[in-house]
Amino acid sequence: MKPGVWAAWTALAAALAYDAAQILEVSGLLRDPLDRILIFAPSLLLAPAFVVAVSATLDGATPEQRTWRRASTCLALLYAAMVGFVYVVQLGAVIPADLAGGRPDVTPFACCAPGRPLTSVDLLGYTYMAVSLLLLAPTYRRPALRTLLVANGLLAPILIGQLRWPALIWLGALWIPFFAAAMVLLALELGRRPDAVTREGLARER
């Protein structure tokens, strides 16, 4: 199996693990700090997997497609760098400090309650992820995949809008089905034979 395909499936699995932990946490079935650990750990895996999956779309791309897909990869990298920083700080510093009784110097780095500095970084990161997927949309002809990529992209203002209106988190929860479905179709697309992808690209250029 191609690395990009593995990465897309890994991103899907990590996203589903995150989704499950979030739902259990909201339902009150997970207690702190287990809830935070089960939310941040798969999210830390999701970030690099997403970058590898998006970068794999460059394989077999036509010159016209490559411009869009390079831009998408750049935003995916920004997303991964931002959220990766946030989550490693939570797992490596904030949660251990809380378990040890708390440390005033670490408390400001906690995430992800409204108004926290790193919550803002996290929201910007996921906004970049949404735009990254939106930029992929014009490069695919399959209606289902293109529609899901656009749907993810349209969440961008909702995600960043939570900086001002935290209640938008409930609308932003559409990310759960939109992203999962997009990763399934992207994994299937990346798994297609290279010659089939090349023929499709050449047909678009004619």
C-alpha atoms as a PDB file:
ATOM      1  CA  MET A   1       0.000   0.000   0.000  1.00  0.00           C
ATOM      2  CA  LYS A   2       1.255   3.461  -0.880  1.00  0.00           C
ATOM      3  CA  PRO A   3       2.462   5.746   1.943  1.00  0.00           C
ATOM      4  CA  GLY A   4      -0.176   8.332   1.085  1.00  0.00           C
ATOM      5  CA  VAL A   5      -2.926   5.748   1.354  1.00  0.00           C
ATOM      6  CA  TRP A   6      -1.603   4.562   4.715  1.00  0.00           C
ATOM      7  CA  ALA A   7      -1.437   8.173   5.857  1.00  0.00           C
ATOM      8  CA  ALA A   8      -5.034   8.915   4.852  1.00  0.00           C
ATOM      9  CA  TRP A   9      -6.318   5.822   6.674  1.00  0.00           C
ATOM     10  CA  THR A  10      -4.165   6.712   9.689  1.00  0.00           C
ATOM     11  CA  ALA A  11      -5.572  10.249   9.692  1.00  0.00           C
ATOM     12  CA  LEU A  12      -9.066   8.759   9.579  1.00  0.00           C
ATOM     13  CA  ALA A  13      -8.342   6.381  12.485  1.00  0.00           C
ATOM     14  CA  ALA A  14      -6.800   9.164  14.564  1.00  0.00           C
ATOM     15  CA  ALA A  15      -9.739  11.459  13.855  1.00  0.00           C
ATOM     16  CA  LEU A  16     -12.235   8.757  14.858  1.00  0.00           C
ATOM     17  CA  ALA A  17     -10.309   8.090  18.088  1.00  0.00           C
ATOM     18  CA  TYR A  18     -10.383  11.815  18.832  1.00  0.00           C
ATOM     19  CA  ASP A  19     -14.100  11.975  18.008  1.00  0.00           C
ATOM     20  CA  ALA A  20     -14.884   9.065  20.328  1.00  0.00           C
ATOM     21  CA  ALA A  21     -12.924  10.638  23.190  1.00  0.00           C
ATOM     22  CA  GLN A  22     -14.638  13.991  22.682  1.00  0.00           C
ATOM     23  CA  ILE A  23     -18.094  12.406  22.697  1.00  0.00           C
ATOM     24  CA  LEU A  24     -17.312  10.403  25.834  1.00  0.00           C
ATOM     25  CA  GLU A  25     -15.902  13.519  27.507  1.00  0.00           C
ATOM     26  CA  VAL A  26     -18.975  15.620  26.689  1.00  0.00           C
ATOM     27  CA  SER A  27     -21.176  12.758  27.919  1.00  0.00           C
ATOM     28  CA  GLY A  28     -19.344  12.770  31.236  1.00  0.00           C
ATOM     29  CA  LEU A  29     -18.059   9.218  30.785  1.00  0.00           C
ATOM     30  CA  LEU A  30     -14.369  10.189  30.895  1.00  0.00           C
ATOM     31  CA  ARG A  31     -12.683  11.834  33.840  1.00  0.00           C
ATOM     32  CA  ASP A  32      -9.743  14.185  33.853  1.00  0.00           C
ATOM     33  CA  PRO A  33      -6.922  13.712  32.945  1.00  0.00           C
ATOM     34  CA  LEU A  34      -7.839  10.596  30.947  1.00  0.00           C
ATOM     35  CA  ASP A  35     -10.199  12.608  28.777  1.00  0.00           C
ATOM     36  CA  ARG A  36      -7.469  15.059  27.808  1.00  0.00           C
ATOM     37  CA  ILE A  37      -4.947  12.298  27.154  1.00  0.00           C
ATOM     38  CA  LEU A  38      -7.360  10.399  24.890  1.00  0.00           C
ATOM     39  CA  ILE A  39      -8.181  13.613  23.018  1.00  0.00           C
ATOM     40  CA  PHE A  40      -4.669  15.014  22.577  1.00  0.00           C
ATOM     41  CA  ALA A  41      -2.777  11.771  21.830  1.00  0.00           C
ATOM     42  CA  PRO A  42      -4.652  10.802  18.629  1.00  0.00           C
ATOM     43  CA  SER A  43      -4.695  14.462  17.581  1.00  0.00           C
ATOM     44  CA  LEU A  44      -0.904  14.460  17.776  1.00  0.00           C
ATOM     45  CA  LEU A  45      -0.867  11.476  15.395  1.00  0.00           C
ATOM     46  CA  LEU A  46      -3.477  12.997  13.091  1.00  0.00           C
ATOM     47  CA  ALA A  47      -1.312  16.025  12.281  1.00  0.00           C
ATOM     48  CA  PRO A  48       1.654  14.316  10.549  1.00  0.00           C
ATOM     49  CA  ALA A  49      -0.603  11.708   8.945  1.00  0.00           C
ATOM     50  CA  PHE A  50      -2.664  14.460   7.360  1.00  0.00           C
ATOM     51  CA  VAL A  51       0.446  16.175   5.990  1.00  0.00           C
ATOM     52  CA  VAL A  52       1.718  12.948   4.404  1.00  0.00           C
ATOM     53  CA  ALA A  53      -1.701  12.226   2.884  1.00  0.00           C
ATOM     54  CA  VAL A  54      -2.021  15.710   1.389  1.00  0.00           C
ATOM     55  CA  SER A  55       1.561  15.752   0.102  1.00  0.00           C
ATOM     56  CA  ALA A  56       0.906  12.412  -1.621  1.00  0.00           C
ATOM     57  CA  THR A  57      -1.667  14.132  -3.834  1.00  0.00           C
ATOM     58  CA  LEU A  58       1.265  15.698  -5.705  1.00  0.00           C
ATOM     59  CA  ASP A  59       2.142  12.316  -7.205  1.00  0.00           C
ATOM     60  CA  GLY A  60       0.881  12.155 -10.761  1.00  0.00           C
ATOM     61  CA  ALA A  61      -0.544  15.677 -10.634  1.00  0.00           C
ATOM     62  CA  THR A  62      -0.661  17.776 -13.783  1.00  0.00           C
ATOM     63  CA  PRO A  63       1.098  21.176 -13.734  1.00  0.00           C
ATOM     64  CA  GLU A  64      -2.247  22.896 -13.212  1.00  0.00           C
ATOM     65  CA  GLN A  65      -3.166  20.590 -10.334  1.00  0.00           C
ATOM     66  CA  ARG A  66       0.274  20.831  -8.784  1.00  0.00           C
ATOM     67  CA  THR A  67      -0.073  24.539  -7.995  1.00  0.00           C
ATOM     68  CA  TRP A  68      -3.238  23.945  -5.978  1.00  0.00           C
ATOM     69  CA  ARG A  69      -1.878  20.838  -4.294  1.00  0.00           C
ATOM     70  CA  ARG A  70       1.375  22.520  -3.310  1.00  0.00           C
ATOM     71  CA  ALA A  71      -0.606  25.318  -1.690  1.00  0.00           C
ATOM     72  CA  SER A  72      -2.713  22.704   0.078  1.00  0.00           C
ATOM     73  CA  THR A  73       0.423  20.963   1.350  1.00  0.00           C
ATOM     74  CA  CYS A  74       1.844  24.237   2.660  1.00  0.00           C
ATOM     75  CA  LEU A  75      -1.297  24.902   4.688  1.00  0.00           C
ATOM     76  CA  ALA A  76      -1.299  21.295   5.914  1.00  0.00           C
ATOM     77  CA  LEU A  77       2.226  21.844   7.215  1.00  0.00           C
ATOM     78  CA  LEU A  78       1.155  25.028   8.997  1.00  0.00           C
ATOM     79  CA  TYR A  79      -1.751  23.119  10.570  1.00  0.00           C
ATOM     80  CA  ALA A  80       0.497  20.279  11.753  1.00  0.00           C
ATOM     81  CA  ALA A  81       3.149  22.610  13.179  1.00  0.00           C
ATOM     82  CA  MET A  82       0.591  24.639  15.127  1.00  0.00           C
ATOM     83  CA  VAL A  83      -1.514  21.858  16.590  1.00  0.00           C
ATOM     84  CA  GLY A  84       1.501  19.605  17.112  1.00  0.00           C
ATOM     85  CA  PHE A  85       3.006  22.293  19.338  1.00  0.00           C
ATOM     86  CA  VAL A  86      -0.246  22.651  21.260  1.00  0.00           C
ATOM     87  CA  TYR A  87      -0.752  18.936  21.874  1.00  0.00           C
ATOM     88  CA  VAL A  88       2.817  18.042  22.811  1.00  0.00           C
ATOM     89  CA  VAL A  89       2.756  20.852  25.385  1.00  0.00           C
ATOM     90  CA  GLN A  90      -0.462  19.421  26.843  1.00  0.00           C
ATOM     91  CA  LEU A  91       0.836  15.858  26.990  1.00  0.00           C
ATOM     92  CA  GLY A  92       4.400  16.670  27.968  1.00  0.00           C
ATOM     93  CA  ALA A  93       3.968  19.615  30.333  1.00  0.00           C
ATOM     94  CA  VAL A  94       0.435  20.678  31.251  1.00  0.00           C
ATOM     95  CA  ILE A  95      -1.096  17.312  32.166  1.00  0.00           C
ATOM     96  CA  PRO A  96       1.981  16.086  34.111  1.00  0.00           C
ATOM     97  CA  ALA A  97       2.045  19.411  35.995  1.00  0.00           C
ATOM     98  CA  ASP A  98      -1.647  19.065  36.853  1.00  0.00           C
ATOM     99  CA  LEU A  99      -1.089  15.522  38.103  1.00  0.00           C
ATOM    100  CA  ALA A 100       1.734  16.803  40.312  1.00  0.00           C
ATOM    101  CA  GLY A 101      -0.515  19.404  41.922  1.00  0.00           C
ATOM    102  CA  GLY A 102      -0.222  22.248  39.401  1.00  0.00           C
ATOM    103  CA  ARG A 103       2.436  24.794  38.491  1.00  0.00           C
ATOM    104  CA  PRO A 104       1.690  28.498  37.973  1.00  0.00           C
ATOM    105  CA  ASP A 105       4.261  28.767  35.180  1.00  0.00           C
ATOM    106  CA  VAL A 106       2.581  25.977  33.194  1.00  0.00           C
ATOM    107  CA  THR A 107      -1.080  26.902  33.726  1.00  0.00           C
ATOM    108  CA  PRO A 108      -1.182  29.626  30.989  1.00  0.00           C
ATOM    109  CA  PHE A 109      -0.283  26.950  28.393  1.00  0.00           C
ATOM    110  CA  ALA A 110      -3.383  24.847  29.072  1.00  0.00           C
ATOM    111  CA  CYS A 111      -5.788  24.121  26.211  1.00  0.00           C
ATOM    112  CA  CYS A 112      -8.524  24.135  25.036  1.00  0.00           C
ATOM    113  CA  ALA A 113     -11.018  26.233  26.990  1.00  0.00           C
ATOM    114  CA  PRO A 114     -12.341  29.453  25.366  1.00  0.00           C
ATOM    115  CA  GLY A 115     -10.035  32.426  25.779  1.00  0.00           C
ATOM    116  CA  ARG A 116      -6.870  30.399  26.361  1.00  0.00           C
ATOM    117  CA  PRO A 117      -3.862  31.492  24.254  1.00  0.00           C
ATOM    118  CA  LEU A 118      -3.167  28.000  22.933  1.00  0.00           C
ATOM    119  CA  THR A 119      -6.848  27.515  22.154  1.00  0.00           C
ATOM    120  CA  SER A 120      -6.425  30.339  19.644  1.00  0.00           C
ATOM    121  CA  VAL A 121      -3.415  28.594  18.119  1.00  0.00           C
ATOM    122  CA  ASP A 122      -5.363  25.324  17.921  1.00  0.00           C
ATOM    123  CA  LEU A 123      -8.314  26.980  16.183  1.00  0.00           C
ATOM    124  CA  LEU A 124      -6.040  28.683  13.666  1.00  0.00           C
ATOM    125  CA  GLY A 125      -4.386  25.347  12.971  1.00  0.00           C
ATOM    126  CA  TYR A 126      -7.688  23.643  12.200  1.00  0.00           C
ATOM    127  CA  THR A 127      -8.714  26.600  10.075  1.00  0.00           C
ATOM    128  CA  TYR A 128      -5.597  25.991   7.984  1.00  0.00           C
ATOM    129  CA  MET A 129      -6.560  22.315   7.735  1.00  0.00           C
ATOM    130  CA  ALA A 130      -9.985  23.278   6.388  1.00  0.00           C
ATOM    131  CA  VAL A 131      -8.507  25.633   3.795  1.00  0.00           C
ATOM    132  CA  SER A 132      -5.937  22.976   2.860  1.00  0.00           C
ATOM    133  CA  LEU A 133      -8.755  20.585   1.956  1.00  0.00           C
ATOM    134  CA  LEU A 134     -10.620  23.334   0.123  1.00  0.00           C
ATOM    135  CA  LEU A 135      -7.584  23.941  -2.090  1.00  0.00           C
ATOM    136  CA  LEU A 136      -7.596  20.284  -3.112  1.00  0.00           C
ATOM    137  CA  ALA A 137     -11.190  20.450  -4.340  1.00  0.00           C
ATOM    138  CA  PRO A 138     -10.543  22.004  -7.800  1.00  0.00           C
ATOM    139  CA  THR A 139      -8.016  19.268  -8.597  1.00  0.00           C
ATOM    140  CA  TYR A 140     -10.466  16.368  -8.384  1.00  0.00           C
ATOM    141  CA  ARG A 141     -13.293  15.551 -10.761  1.00  0.00           C
ATOM    142  CA  ARG A 142     -15.144  12.968  -8.676  1.00  0.00           C
ATOM    143  CA  PRO A 143     -18.246  14.779  -7.345  1.00  0.00           C
ATOM    144  CA  ALA A 144     -18.368  13.067  -3.933  1.00  0.00           C
ATOM    145  CA  LEU A 145     -14.725  13.785  -3.105  1.00  0.00           C
ATOM    146  CA  ARG A 146     -14.865  17.342  -4.425  1.00  0.00           C
ATOM    147  CA  THR A 147     -18.066  18.081  -2.471  1.00  0.00           C
ATOM    148  CA  LEU A 148     -16.577  16.793   0.794  1.00  0.00           C
ATOM    149  CA  LEU A 149     -13.380  18.777   0.290  1.00  0.00           C
ATOM    150  CA  VAL A 150     -15.431  21.929  -0.252  1.00  0.00           C
ATOM    151  CA  ALA A 151     -17.615  21.102   2.772  1.00  0.00           C
ATOM    152  CA  ASN A 152     -14.516  20.872   4.965  1.00  0.00           C
ATOM    153  CA  GLY A 153     -13.242  24.143   3.558  1.00  0.00           C
ATOM    154  CA  LEU A 154     -16.499  25.938   4.319  1.00  0.00           C
ATOM    155  CA  LEU A 155     -15.960  25.160   7.994  1.00  0.00           C
ATOM    156  CA  ALA A 156     -12.929  27.494   8.066  1.00  0.00           C
ATOM    157  CA  PRO A 157     -14.830  30.677   9.091  1.00  0.00           C
ATOM    158  CA  ILE A 158     -16.774  28.682  11.681  1.00  0.00           C
ATOM    159  CA  LEU A 159     -13.577  27.314  13.209  1.00  0.00           C
ATOM    160  CA  ILE A 160     -11.751  30.616  13.426  1.00  0.00           C
ATOM    161  CA  GLY A 161     -15.000  32.338  14.407  1.00  0.00           C
ATOM    162  CA  GLN A 162     -14.909  30.477  17.709  1.00  0.00           C
ATOM    163  CA  LEU A 163     -12.309  33.002  18.842  1.00  0.00           C
ATOM    164  CA  ARG A 164     -15.156  35.504  19.091  1.00  0.00           C
ATOM    165  CA  TRP A 165     -18.172  33.205  19.432  1.00  0.00           C
ATOM    166  CA  PRO A 166     -17.247  29.986  21.309  1.00  0.00           C
ATOM    167  CA  ALA A 167     -20.773  28.604  20.825  1.00  0.00           C
ATOM    168  CA  LEU A 168     -19.875  28.004  17.169  1.00  0.00           C
ATOM    169  CA  ILE A 169     -18.149  24.851  18.429  1.00  0.00           C
ATOM    170  CA  TRP A 170     -21.457  23.023  18.007  1.00  0.00           C
ATOM    171  CA  LEU A 171     -21.634  23.965  14.330  1.00  0.00           C
ATOM    172  CA  GLY A 172     -17.934  23.217  13.991  1.00  0.00           C
ATOM    173  CA  ALA A 173     -18.744  19.663  15.109  1.00  0.00           C
ATOM    174  CA  LEU A 174     -19.696  19.034  11.476  1.00  0.00           C
ATOM    175  CA  TRP A 175     -15.944  18.503  11.097  1.00  0.00           C
ATOM    176  CA  ILE A 176     -16.463  15.037  12.580  1.00  0.00           C
ATOM    177  CA  PRO A 177     -18.422  13.510   9.660  1.00  0.00           C
ATOM    178  CA  PHE A 178     -17.018  15.815   6.960  1.00  0.00           C
ATOM    179  CA  PHE A 179     -13.360  15.077   7.687  1.00  0.00           C
ATOM    180  CA  ALA A 180     -13.867  11.345   8.179  1.00  0.00           C
ATOM    181  CA  ALA A 181     -15.734  10.974   4.889  1.00  0.00           C
ATOM    182  CA  ALA A 182     -13.160  13.083   3.044  1.00  0.00           C
ATOM    183  CA  MET A 183     -10.300  10.910   4.323  1.00  0.00           C
ATOM    184  CA  VAL A 184     -12.070   7.729   3.203  1.00  0.00           C
ATOM    185  CA  LEU A 185     -12.541   9.036  -0.334  1.00  0.00           C
ATOM    186  CA  LEU A 186      -9.053  10.548  -0.434  1.00  0.00           C
ATOM    187  CA  ALA A 187      -7.521   7.225   0.639  1.00  0.00           C
ATOM    188  CA  LEU A 188      -9.420   5.465  -2.152  1.00  0.00           C
ATOM    189  CA  GLU A 189      -8.333   8.134  -4.651  1.00  0.00           C
ATOM    190  CA  LEU A 190      -4.688   7.876  -3.619  1.00  0.00           C
ATOM    191  CA  GLY A 191      -4.901   4.110  -3.991  1.00  0.00           C
ATOM    192  CA  ARG A 192      -5.874   4.296  -7.641  1.00  0.00           C
ATOM    193  CA  ARG A 193      -3.376   3.062 -10.207  1.00  0.00           C
ATOM    194  CA  PRO A 194      -0.881   5.793 -11.248  1.00  0.00           C
ATOM    195  CA  ASP A 195      -1.575   5.288 -14.938  1.00  0.00           C
ATOM    196  CA  ALA A 196      -5.296   5.879 -14.344  1.00  0.00           C
ATOM    197  CA  VAL A 197      -4.527   9.094 -12.501  1.00  0.00           C
ATOM    198  CA  THR A 198      -2.172  10.216 -15.264  1.00  0.00           C
ATOM    199  CA  ARG A 199      -4.747   9.514 -17.985  1.00  0.00           C
ATOM    200  CA  GLU A 200      -7.345  11.542 -16.104  1.00  0.00           C
ATOM    201  CA  GLY A 201      -4.913  14.437 -15.748  1.00  0.00           C
ATOM    202  CA  LEU A 202      -4.012  14.364 -19.438  1.00  0.00           C
ATOM    203  CA  ALA A 203      -7.685  14.288 -20.380  1.00  0.00           C
ATOM    204  CA  ARG A 204      -8.264  17.452 -18.364  1.00  0.00           C
ATOM    205  CA  GLU A 205      -5.422  19.224 -20.163  1.00  0.00           C
ATOM    206  CA  ARG A 206      -6.819  18.517 -23.638  1.00  0.00           C
END
